[in-house]
Structure formats: structure tokens, C-alpha cells
Amino acid sequence: MMRSHSLALSIIATLTIAGWAASQPPVPDAVPVPAPVPPAMPPVDAPVIHPEFAGIRTPSLGDLVLAKVDLKAGAPRVIMMIQSYRQETKRVKVTRFVVETRERSTEVDGKTVNVPYTVKVPVTEEREITTNVPAGRKPLTIDAKDFQFFDLQAEEVSLDQAAQKLSSLKPVFLIDQNTGRPMPLPEVAQRALKAECLILVTKKQVRQFPAPAGAWVPMVAPAFVPVGARPPVPAPAAVPNVIGD
């Protein structure tokens, strides 16, 4: 009797809760909350290059040449010792491979048949090529008005001051095909060089570069030429048993 009473109470409670839930207004779908967005990083400014140094690099040891300023010959001029080149023609031996077609004999159905095949044969030939050979430093004279003169701190120097420092051939930094104020040399480099060393800048091309070598035919093996249809090569015949069992 008590068990039946407890079961009845449980059913009544379940129905009561279900009725209450049905009477409640519908719950809207949950709206997803976006993840917090980290603050944007401030833009990084590009390094600022002073307009005076735009397009002009720092001189290096590879820019050193011998130069002097001559004011005695009427128009001021700069005399430089510049590396020159000459072209030489040489004969060299070159080995290349030539494709040759040969034949070998084989037995087909009891008959001797010549079967063609190809091989690569090395052939050594003499060819004539043109090369560029350094011809030493030669003097080159240029109008002094085509140059800008700077000291190692990249401070501009007048023509008269440059003539005093370069009364004879002395090492200078040459930056050709450019114009404007160069970048100053690092302090350590300035301490290693003499104070009278100058930087010369000109928009003209002063340095000589090796002329392109003359064209010559490369050693390329000829294209493979098919030898046409080949007769089938039979498998080697079985070796007869001459020893016996």
C-alpha cells in the first residue's frame, strides 16, 4: 500500500514539473560570443634615409684607385690609373662525344643477320676562343668638373683643396656612375686611413669592364639519329650438354 502511494506521488510530481516547463516562454538560441580581438600592433616606420645619402653607398676597399689632380694644363683634370683589359684569341682542345652507328652479326632462325646499334665515341678537337685578359693599369684623364670631392667624413672638398691633397698619385675612393654625397666611412676605417684620402664621385663611367668574349660553338653532342626498325634478337640458344650424365 505504501509503495503504491509513493509511486503515485512520483507520477504527480513529474507531471507537475512537465506542465510548468510547458507554460514557460521559449528560450532563444544562445548567441556565440566572439573571442576578444587583440589590439593591432602599431605600424613600424621604415628607416629614414637622409636625402643627401639617397642612392649613394659607403665606399669600400674595392673602390680604391690611384689618382691625382692636375691644375697646370689649362683646364683642371683628374688623372687616374684604371685597370684595363684586352682580348686574346686562343686555341684550346675540347673533347666531345659523337654518336656512331655500328653493326653486329647474330643468328636469327639459323641465318646470320646484321643488327645495327649506336655508341658514343669521344672526339678531341681544337677550337678557337676569345678571352679577356687584364692588361694592367693605364692612365685615364677626365675633366675635373665632372667630379665631386669629399673627405672621409663625407664633407665636400673644393677643387683647390683636392688639388693640394692629390698633387701626386695617391689612393682615393672612386664611386662612378653616381652623383651626390656618399655615406661617410665608419670611424674605425677613418682611423686606419690617411687624412688626405678623398672620395671622388662622378656620374660618368670611369672603370673599364671586360668586354664579352667572342661567341664560339659549344661542344654539344649531336642529336640521336634513329637507326630504323631492327630485327628481333633471339635469346641465346641453350648450350648442348657435351659432358653427358
Protein backbone atom coordinates (compact mmCIF):
# COMPACT_ATOMS: atom_id res chain seq x y z
CA MET A 1 0.00 0.00 0.00
CA MET A 2 2.78 2.42 0.90
CA ARG A 3 4.69 1.52 -2.27
CA SER A 4 1.68 2.34 -4.42
CA HIS A 5 1.27 5.66 -2.60
CA SER A 6 4.94 6.62 -3.25
CA LEU A 7 4.63 5.75 -6.92
CA ALA A 8 1.54 7.89 -7.26
CA LEU A 9 3.28 10.86 -5.64
CA SER A 10 6.26 10.46 -8.01
CA ILE A 11 3.99 10.45 -11.08
CA ILE A 12 2.12 13.56 -9.83
CA ALA A 13 5.42 15.42 -9.27
CA THR A 14 6.71 14.54 -12.75
CA LEU A 15 3.52 15.75 -14.42
CA THR A 16 3.58 18.95 -12.39
CA ILE A 17 7.16 19.78 -13.49
CA ALA A 18 6.35 18.96 -17.11
CA GLY A 19 3.33 21.24 -17.06
CA TRP A 20 5.32 24.07 -15.55
CA ALA A 21 8.06 23.72 -18.19
CA ALA A 22 5.47 23.76 -20.98
CA SER A 23 4.00 27.00 -19.68
CA GLN A 24 7.34 28.83 -19.78
CA PRO A 25 8.21 31.04 -22.82
CA PRO A 26 10.68 29.54 -25.29
CA VAL A 27 14.36 30.24 -24.61
CA PRO A 28 16.12 31.90 -27.60
CA ASP A 29 19.12 30.20 -29.10
CA ALA A 30 22.37 31.18 -27.47
CA VAL A 31 24.30 33.82 -29.37
CA PRO A 32 28.02 32.96 -29.66
CA VAL A 33 30.27 35.47 -28.01
CA PRO A 34 33.17 36.43 -30.30
CA ALA A 35 36.66 35.95 -28.98
CA PRO A 36 38.38 39.13 -27.90
CA VAL A 37 40.43 40.70 -30.70
CA PRO A 38 43.95 41.64 -29.66
CA PRO A 39 44.83 45.27 -30.26
CA ALA A 40 46.50 45.99 -33.57
CA MET A 41 50.26 46.47 -33.48
CA PRO A 42 51.35 50.00 -34.31
CA PRO A 43 52.93 50.27 -37.78
CA VAL A 44 56.72 50.09 -37.87
CA ASP A 45 58.23 53.03 -39.66
CA ALA A 46 60.78 52.25 -42.35
CA PRO A 47 64.29 53.53 -41.67
CA VAL A 48 64.60 57.11 -42.77
CA ILE A 49 67.48 57.80 -45.17
CA HIS A 50 68.63 61.37 -45.41
CA PRO A 51 68.04 62.77 -48.92
CA GLU A 52 71.73 63.65 -49.16
CA PHE A 53 72.66 59.96 -48.91
CA ALA A 54 69.87 58.51 -51.07
CA GLY A 55 71.31 56.19 -53.71
CA ILE A 56 74.93 56.63 -52.57
CA ARG A 57 76.70 53.72 -50.91
CA THR A 58 79.54 53.65 -48.43
CA PRO A 59 82.95 53.40 -50.13
CA SER A 60 84.73 50.05 -49.83
CA LEU A 61 88.28 48.83 -50.41
CA GLY A 62 87.27 47.68 -53.88
CA ASP A 63 86.73 51.34 -54.82
CA LEU A 64 90.37 52.33 -54.27
CA VAL A 65 92.28 53.64 -57.30
CA LEU A 66 95.31 55.87 -57.78
CA ALA A 67 94.52 59.44 -58.82
CA LYS A 68 95.88 62.95 -58.89
CA VAL A 69 94.53 66.41 -59.76
CA ASP A 70 96.40 68.49 -62.35
CA LEU A 71 95.73 72.24 -62.44
CA LYS A 72 98.67 73.19 -64.65
CA ALA A 73 97.36 72.10 -68.05
CA GLY A 74 94.80 74.87 -68.52
CA ALA A 75 91.52 73.10 -67.73
CA PRO A 76 91.70 71.23 -64.42
CA ARG A 77 91.76 67.49 -64.91
CA VAL A 78 91.88 64.29 -62.90
CA ILE A 79 94.33 61.57 -63.92
CA MET A 80 93.54 58.05 -62.73
CA MET A 81 95.22 54.69 -63.10
CA ILE A 82 92.40 52.36 -64.17
CA GLN A 83 92.53 48.60 -64.75
CA SER A 84 92.26 47.82 -68.46
CA TYR A 85 91.61 44.63 -70.43
CA ARG A 86 92.46 43.23 -73.82
CA GLN A 87 91.05 40.33 -75.82
CA GLU A 88 93.16 37.38 -76.79
CA THR A 89 92.40 34.54 -79.16
CA LYS A 90 93.46 31.10 -78.03
CA ARG A 91 93.24 27.59 -79.40
CA VAL A 92 92.07 25.03 -76.90
CA LYS A 93 91.42 21.31 -77.07
CA VAL A 94 87.87 20.26 -76.40
CA THR A 95 86.53 16.72 -76.20
CA ARG A 96 83.01 15.95 -77.34
CA PHE A 97 81.05 12.77 -77.95
CA VAL A 98 79.85 11.71 -81.39
CA VAL A 99 77.12 9.14 -81.90
CA GLU A 100 78.18 6.43 -84.34
CA THR A 101 76.09 3.59 -85.79
CA ARG A 102 77.67 0.17 -85.95
CA GLU A 103 76.53 -3.37 -86.75
CA ARG A 104 76.99 -6.75 -85.15
CA SER A 105 76.13 -10.17 -86.51
CA THR A 106 73.73 -12.52 -84.82
CA GLU A 107 71.87 -15.71 -85.67
CA VAL A 108 68.14 -15.44 -86.39
CA ASP A 109 66.31 -18.63 -87.39
CA GLY A 110 69.56 -20.19 -88.45
CA LYS A 111 70.57 -17.16 -90.58
CA THR A 112 73.23 -14.54 -89.93
CA VAL A 113 71.68 -11.06 -89.59
CA ASN A 114 73.48 -7.71 -89.12
CA VAL A 115 71.86 -5.76 -86.27
CA PRO A 116 72.64 -2.01 -86.04
CA TYR A 117 73.40 -0.32 -82.71
CA THR A 118 74.79 3.06 -81.60
CA VAL A 119 77.77 4.03 -79.46
CA LYS A 120 79.17 7.36 -78.21
CA VAL A 121 82.76 7.90 -79.27
CA PRO A 122 84.95 10.68 -77.74
CA VAL A 123 86.47 13.04 -80.30
CA THR A 124 89.07 15.69 -79.39
CA GLU A 125 89.19 18.84 -81.49
CA GLU A 126 90.93 22.20 -81.41
CA ARG A 127 88.70 25.25 -81.18
CA GLU A 128 89.43 28.97 -81.26
CA ILE A 129 88.01 31.04 -78.41
CA THR A 130 88.30 34.68 -77.35
CA THR A 131 89.10 35.52 -73.73
CA ASN A 132 89.57 38.73 -71.76
CA VAL A 133 92.99 39.25 -70.21
CA PRO A 134 93.92 42.00 -67.72
CA ALA A 135 96.26 44.48 -69.41
CA GLY A 136 97.40 46.34 -66.30
CA ARG A 137 96.56 49.82 -65.07
CA LYS A 138 96.58 52.61 -67.63
CA PRO A 139 96.21 56.38 -67.12
CA LEU A 140 92.81 57.89 -67.83
CA THR A 141 92.30 61.65 -67.97
CA ILE A 142 88.91 63.18 -67.12
CA ASP A 143 87.76 66.79 -66.74
CA ALA A 144 87.86 67.73 -63.05
CA LYS A 145 84.48 69.47 -63.40
CA ASP A 146 82.88 66.02 -63.74
CA PHE A 147 83.86 65.10 -60.17
CA GLN A 148 82.69 65.88 -56.67
CA PHE A 149 85.35 65.67 -53.97
CA PHE A 150 84.65 64.56 -50.37
CA ASP A 151 86.76 63.74 -47.35
CA LEU A 152 86.36 60.59 -45.26
CA GLN A 153 83.61 62.27 -43.21
CA ALA A 154 81.68 62.81 -46.47
CA GLU A 155 82.19 66.56 -46.25
CA GLU A 156 82.59 68.22 -49.64
CA VAL A 157 86.06 69.50 -50.55
CA SER A 158 86.79 72.24 -53.05
CA LEU A 159 88.79 71.59 -56.21
CA ASP A 160 91.74 73.63 -54.91
CA GLN A 161 91.82 71.66 -51.65
CA ALA A 162 91.62 68.38 -53.60
CA ALA A 163 94.49 69.52 -55.84
CA GLN A 164 96.64 70.19 -52.78
CA LYS A 165 95.99 66.74 -51.34
CA LEU A 166 96.29 64.97 -54.71
CA SER A 167 99.34 66.71 -56.16
CA SER A 168 100.72 63.24 -56.95
CA LEU A 169 99.17 59.83 -57.47
CA LYS A 170 97.54 58.73 -54.23
CA PRO A 171 94.86 56.21 -53.27
CA VAL A 172 91.30 57.56 -53.47
CA PHE A 173 87.85 56.02 -53.34
CA LEU A 174 86.18 56.21 -56.75
CA ILE A 175 82.37 55.97 -56.96
CA ASP A 176 81.47 56.32 -60.63
CA GLN A 177 78.09 56.30 -62.35
CA ASN A 178 76.61 58.12 -59.38
CA THR A 179 76.10 61.59 -58.00
CA GLY A 180 75.54 63.20 -54.63
CA ARG A 181 77.08 62.95 -51.23
CA PRO A 182 78.44 59.50 -50.25
CA MET A 183 77.96 57.79 -46.93
CA PRO A 184 80.79 58.60 -44.50
CA LEU A 185 83.23 55.86 -43.67
CA PRO A 186 83.00 54.22 -40.23
CA GLU A 187 85.17 55.80 -37.56
CA VAL A 188 87.45 52.75 -37.34
CA ALA A 189 88.08 52.88 -41.11
CA GLN A 190 88.82 56.59 -40.92
CA ARG A 191 91.43 55.98 -38.24
CA ALA A 192 93.10 53.33 -40.43
CA LEU A 193 93.38 55.66 -43.44
CA LYS A 194 95.36 58.80 -44.00
CA ALA A 195 93.51 62.06 -43.51
CA GLU A 196 94.26 63.27 -47.05
CA CYS A 197 92.45 60.29 -48.60
CA LEU A 198 89.48 61.56 -50.59
CA ILE A 199 86.26 60.18 -52.08
CA LEU A 200 85.64 61.05 -55.73
CA VAL A 201 82.10 60.82 -57.11
CA THR A 202 81.16 61.18 -60.78
CA LYS A 203 78.12 60.36 -62.88
CA LYS A 204 80.36 59.11 -65.69
CA GLN A 205 81.52 55.53 -66.12
CA VAL A 206 85.22 55.53 -65.37
CA ARG A 207 86.05 51.91 -64.64
CA GLN A 208 86.56 49.55 -67.52
CA PHE A 209 84.90 46.15 -67.53
CA PRO A 210 85.92 43.10 -69.55
CA ALA A 211 84.21 43.07 -72.91
CA PRO A 212 82.08 39.99 -73.53
CA ALA A 213 84.14 37.17 -75.00
CA GLY A 214 83.60 36.26 -78.62
CA ALA A 215 80.99 33.62 -79.27
CA TRP A 216 82.16 30.14 -80.04
CA VAL A 217 80.31 26.97 -80.86
CA PRO A 218 79.72 24.91 -77.70
CA MET A 219 80.69 21.28 -77.71
CA VAL A 220 77.28 19.65 -77.81
CA ALA A 221 76.81 16.06 -78.87
CA PRO A 222 74.66 15.74 -81.99
CA ALA A 223 71.10 14.61 -81.65
CA PHE A 224 70.49 10.86 -81.65
CA VAL A 225 69.55 9.57 -85.09
CA PRO A 226 67.24 6.54 -85.05
CA VAL A 227 68.61 3.59 -86.96
CA GLY A 228 65.20 2.39 -88.10
CA ALA A 229 63.42 -0.87 -87.37
CA ARG A 230 65.64 -3.56 -86.01
CA PRO A 231 65.06 -7.29 -86.44
CA PRO A 232 64.32 -9.13 -83.22
CA VAL A 233 67.35 -10.51 -81.46
CA PRO A 234 66.65 -14.08 -80.39
CA ALA A 235 67.54 -15.39 -76.98
CA PRO A 236 70.85 -17.27 -76.89
CA ALA A 237 70.46 -20.95 -77.71
CA ALA A 238 70.85 -23.46 -74.95
CA VAL A 239 74.37 -24.81 -74.55
CA PRO A 240 74.38 -28.51 -75.53
CA ASN A 241 75.33 -30.97 -72.88
CA VAL A 242 78.61 -32.39 -74.12
CA ILE A 243 79.64 -33.94 -70.84
CA GLY A 244 76.81 -36.36 -70.50
CA ASP A 245 75.11 -37.68 -67.46
